[in-house]
Amino acid sequence: MNSYCEMVFNQINVNIHSLTAIINDVTEEELAYRPLPHKRSIQELLQHLCLICSADYYISLGYSADKMNDFYLQHPAYTKLELKAALVEGFNQLKAAYSSFDEQKLFSLQTSYWGCTYTRF
């Protein structure tokens, strides 16, 4: 595995443990809490965070806005168990894919559907 990826995966793993602890500590009532009508609930914020690894992977593949919207619709995570599963599955997916990338692929430029250009690393 590329040493750059190994360091990043270690940091992501630390974040996964922290986020898992937060999910474990939040109650079902707290998950439903929405500070203002036009803001996300705690559950919606956690859902977003738990899908970031998968979403970043698909964005790095060049998925369009429509494909990303479909991804989010197809991957709801409502319960604490589903949130934790989405988090771990997304990390495992990202790690499996990126572990096989060489430096050329990691540092190649990719443009996202919103027009931002970045490397996969």
C-alpha atoms as a PDB file:
ATOM      1  CA  MET A   1       0.000   0.000   0.000  1.00  0.00           C
ATOM      2  CA  ASN A   2       1.153   3.513  -0.804  1.00  0.00           C
ATOM      3  CA  SER A   3       2.609   5.228   2.283  1.00  0.00           C
ATOM      4  CA  TYR A   4       0.524   8.360   1.609  1.00  0.00           C
ATOM      5  CA  CYS A   5      -2.651   6.289   1.704  1.00  0.00           C
ATOM      6  CA  GLU A   6      -1.572   4.401   4.786  1.00  0.00           C
ATOM      7  CA  MET A   7      -1.193   7.649   6.745  1.00  0.00           C
ATOM      8  CA  VAL A   8      -4.540   8.963   5.520  1.00  0.00           C
ATOM      9  CA  PHE A   9      -6.299   5.687   6.317  1.00  0.00           C
ATOM     10  CA  ASN A  10      -4.900   5.795   9.854  1.00  0.00           C
ATOM     11  CA  GLN A  11      -6.340   9.296  10.336  1.00  0.00           C
ATOM     12  CA  ILE A  12      -9.692   8.290   8.865  1.00  0.00           C
ATOM     13  CA  ASN A  13      -9.730   5.290  11.200  1.00  0.00           C
ATOM     14  CA  VAL A  14      -9.248   7.602  14.207  1.00  0.00           C
ATOM     15  CA  ASN A  15     -12.221   9.645  12.986  1.00  0.00           C
ATOM     16  CA  ILE A  16     -14.304   6.493  12.531  1.00  0.00           C
ATOM     17  CA  HIS A  17     -13.690   5.500  16.142  1.00  0.00           C
ATOM     18  CA  SER A  18     -14.638   8.993  17.333  1.00  0.00           C
ATOM     19  CA  LEU A  19     -17.781   9.096  15.219  1.00  0.00           C
ATOM     20  CA  THR A  20     -18.761   5.592  16.353  1.00  0.00           C
ATOM     21  CA  ALA A  21     -18.448   6.737  19.978  1.00  0.00           C
ATOM     22  CA  ILE A  22     -20.710   9.711  19.242  1.00  0.00           C
ATOM     23  CA  ILE A  23     -23.289   7.453  17.586  1.00  0.00           C
ATOM     24  CA  ASN A  24     -23.179   5.077  20.553  1.00  0.00           C
ATOM     25  CA  ASP A  25     -23.736   7.926  23.019  1.00  0.00           C
ATOM     26  CA  VAL A  26     -26.578   9.746  21.239  1.00  0.00           C
ATOM     27  CA  THR A  27     -30.129   8.716  22.131  1.00  0.00           C
ATOM     28  CA  GLU A  28     -32.914   8.042  19.640  1.00  0.00           C
ATOM     29  CA  GLU A  29     -34.583  11.258  20.819  1.00  0.00           C
ATOM     30  CA  GLU A  30     -31.383  13.217  20.212  1.00  0.00           C
ATOM     31  CA  LEU A  31     -31.117  11.758  16.698  1.00  0.00           C
ATOM     32  CA  ALA A  32     -34.432  13.402  15.845  1.00  0.00           C
ATOM     33  CA  TYR A  33     -33.402  16.796  17.241  1.00  0.00           C
ATOM     34  CA  ARG A  34     -33.448  19.589  14.648  1.00  0.00           C
ATOM     35  CA  PRO A  35     -32.225  22.965  15.977  1.00  0.00           C
ATOM     36  CA  LEU A  36     -34.227  24.970  13.419  1.00  0.00           C
ATOM     37  CA  PRO A  37     -36.834  23.909  10.849  1.00  0.00           C
ATOM     38  CA  HIS A  38     -34.502  24.600   7.907  1.00  0.00           C
ATOM     39  CA  LYS A  39     -31.447  22.846   9.442  1.00  0.00           C
ATOM     40  CA  ARG A  40     -30.479  19.176   9.394  1.00  0.00           C
ATOM     41  CA  SER A  41     -31.340  16.914  12.308  1.00  0.00           C
ATOM     42  CA  ILE A  42     -28.599  15.164  14.279  1.00  0.00           C
ATOM     43  CA  GLN A  43     -29.496  11.947  12.420  1.00  0.00           C
ATOM     44  CA  GLU A  44     -29.172  13.700   9.043  1.00  0.00           C
ATOM     45  CA  LEU A  45     -25.787  15.160  10.031  1.00  0.00           C
ATOM     46  CA  LEU A  46     -24.545  11.754  11.155  1.00  0.00           C
ATOM     47  CA  GLN A  47     -25.885  10.172   7.981  1.00  0.00           C
ATOM     48  CA  HIS A  48     -23.918  12.681   5.915  1.00  0.00           C
ATOM     49  CA  LEU A  49     -20.725  12.020   7.878  1.00  0.00           C
ATOM     50  CA  CYS A  50     -21.160   8.240   7.685  1.00  0.00           C
ATOM     51  CA  LEU A  51     -21.487   8.340   3.886  1.00  0.00           C
ATOM     52  CA  ILE A  52     -18.518  10.632   3.216  1.00  0.00           C
ATOM     53  CA  CYS A  53     -16.011   7.858   2.443  1.00  0.00           C
ATOM     54  CA  SER A  54     -18.322   6.230  -0.096  1.00  0.00           C
ATOM     55  CA  ALA A  55     -19.377   9.560  -1.564  1.00  0.00           C
ATOM     56  CA  ASP A  56     -15.778  10.745  -1.930  1.00  0.00           C
ATOM     57  CA  TYR A  57     -14.887   7.536  -3.709  1.00  0.00           C
ATOM     58  CA  TYR A  58     -17.722   7.936  -6.217  1.00  0.00           C
ATOM     59  CA  ILE A  59     -16.932  11.609  -6.737  1.00  0.00           C
ATOM     60  CA  SER A  60     -13.307  10.645  -7.453  1.00  0.00           C
ATOM     61  CA  LEU A  61     -14.641   8.323 -10.169  1.00  0.00           C
ATOM     62  CA  GLY A  62     -16.349  11.287 -11.816  1.00  0.00           C
ATOM     63  CA  TYR A  63     -19.964  10.600 -10.808  1.00  0.00           C
ATOM     64  CA  SER A  64     -22.408  13.260 -11.988  1.00  0.00           C
ATOM     65  CA  ALA A  65     -24.736  15.204  -9.687  1.00  0.00           C
ATOM     66  CA  ASP A  66     -27.598  12.926 -10.761  1.00  0.00           C
ATOM     67  CA  LYS A  67     -25.599   9.791  -9.934  1.00  0.00           C
ATOM     68  CA  MET A  68     -24.642  11.227  -6.552  1.00  0.00           C
ATOM     69  CA  ASN A  69     -28.260  12.104  -5.789  1.00  0.00           C
ATOM     70  CA  ASP A  70     -29.184   8.518  -6.653  1.00  0.00           C
ATOM     71  CA  PHE A  71     -26.391   7.273  -4.377  1.00  0.00           C
ATOM     72  CA  TYR A  72     -27.714   9.251  -1.410  1.00  0.00           C
ATOM     73  CA  LEU A  73     -31.286   8.109  -2.061  1.00  0.00           C
ATOM     74  CA  GLN A  74     -30.193   4.468  -2.257  1.00  0.00           C
ATOM     75  CA  HIS A  75     -28.154   4.607   0.964  1.00  0.00           C
ATOM     76  CA  PRO A  76     -30.351   5.880   3.755  1.00  0.00           C
ATOM     77  CA  ALA A  77     -29.076   5.289   7.280  1.00  0.00           C
ATOM     78  CA  TYR A  78     -31.699   5.942   9.908  1.00  0.00           C
ATOM     79  CA  THR A  79     -30.864   3.805  12.915  1.00  0.00           C
ATOM     80  CA  LYS A  80     -27.695   3.872  14.969  1.00  0.00           C
ATOM     81  CA  LEU A  81     -26.809   0.412  13.676  1.00  0.00           C
ATOM     82  CA  GLU A  82     -27.315   1.516  10.051  1.00  0.00           C
ATOM     83  CA  LEU A  83     -25.211   4.642  10.615  1.00  0.00           C
ATOM     84  CA  LYS A  84     -22.300   2.628  11.996  1.00  0.00           C
ATOM     85  CA  ALA A  85     -22.591   0.042   9.214  1.00  0.00           C
ATOM     86  CA  ALA A  86     -22.564   2.764   6.526  1.00  0.00           C
ATOM     87  CA  LEU A  87     -19.484   4.322   8.119  1.00  0.00           C
ATOM     88  CA  VAL A  88     -17.488   1.081   8.207  1.00  0.00           C
ATOM     89  CA  GLU A  89     -18.638  -0.110   4.776  1.00  0.00           C
ATOM     90  CA  GLY A  90     -17.728   3.225   3.192  1.00  0.00           C
ATOM     91  CA  PHE A  91     -14.275   3.201   4.750  1.00  0.00           C
ATOM     92  CA  ASN A  92     -13.649  -0.402   3.683  1.00  0.00           C
ATOM     93  CA  GLN A  93     -14.764   0.418   0.127  1.00  0.00           C
ATOM     94  CA  LEU A  94     -12.532   3.487  -0.064  1.00  0.00           C
ATOM     95  CA  LYS A  95      -9.544   1.664   1.427  1.00  0.00           C
ATOM     96  CA  ALA A  96      -9.909  -1.333  -0.890  1.00  0.00           C
ATOM     97  CA  ALA A  97     -10.035   0.879  -3.975  1.00  0.00           C
ATOM     98  CA  TYR A  98      -7.300   3.332  -3.003  1.00  0.00           C
ATOM     99  CA  SER A  99      -4.923   0.639  -1.753  1.00  0.00           C
ATOM    100  CA  SER A 100      -4.464  -0.500  -5.329  1.00  0.00           C
ATOM    101  CA  PHE A 101      -3.745   2.991  -6.712  1.00  0.00           C
ATOM    102  CA  ASP A 102      -0.201   3.850  -7.678  1.00  0.00           C
ATOM    103  CA  GLU A 103       1.179   7.397  -7.307  1.00  0.00           C
ATOM    104  CA  GLN A 104       0.261   8.296 -10.871  1.00  0.00           C
ATOM    105  CA  LYS A 105      -3.385   7.416 -10.284  1.00  0.00           C
ATOM    106  CA  LEU A 106      -3.430   9.073  -6.848  1.00  0.00           C
ATOM    107  CA  PHE A 107      -2.089  12.349  -8.179  1.00  0.00           C
ATOM    108  CA  SER A 108      -4.014  12.417 -11.455  1.00  0.00           C
ATOM    109  CA  LEU A 109      -6.489  15.288 -11.714  1.00  0.00           C
ATOM    110  CA  GLN A 110     -10.214  14.669 -11.467  1.00  0.00           C
ATOM    111  CA  THR A 111     -12.946  17.281 -11.898  1.00  0.00           C
ATOM    112  CA  SER A 112     -16.022  16.966  -9.706  1.00  0.00           C
ATOM    113  CA  TYR A 113     -19.558  17.557 -10.922  1.00  0.00           C
ATOM    114  CA  TRP A 114     -19.509  21.021  -9.315  1.00  0.00           C
ATOM    115  CA  GLY A 115     -16.387  21.970 -11.292  1.00  0.00           C
ATOM    116  CA  CYS A 116     -13.635  21.682  -8.669  1.00  0.00           C
ATOM    117  CA  THR A 117     -10.486  19.927  -9.902  1.00  0.00           C
ATOM    118  CA  TYR A 118      -8.378  17.958  -7.432  1.00  0.00           C
ATOM    119  CA  THR A 119      -6.232  14.836  -7.150  1.00  0.00           C
ATOM    120  CA  ARG A 120      -7.572  11.576  -5.785  1.00  0.00           C
ATOM    121  CA  PHE A 121      -5.128  11.893  -2.919  1.00  0.00           C
END
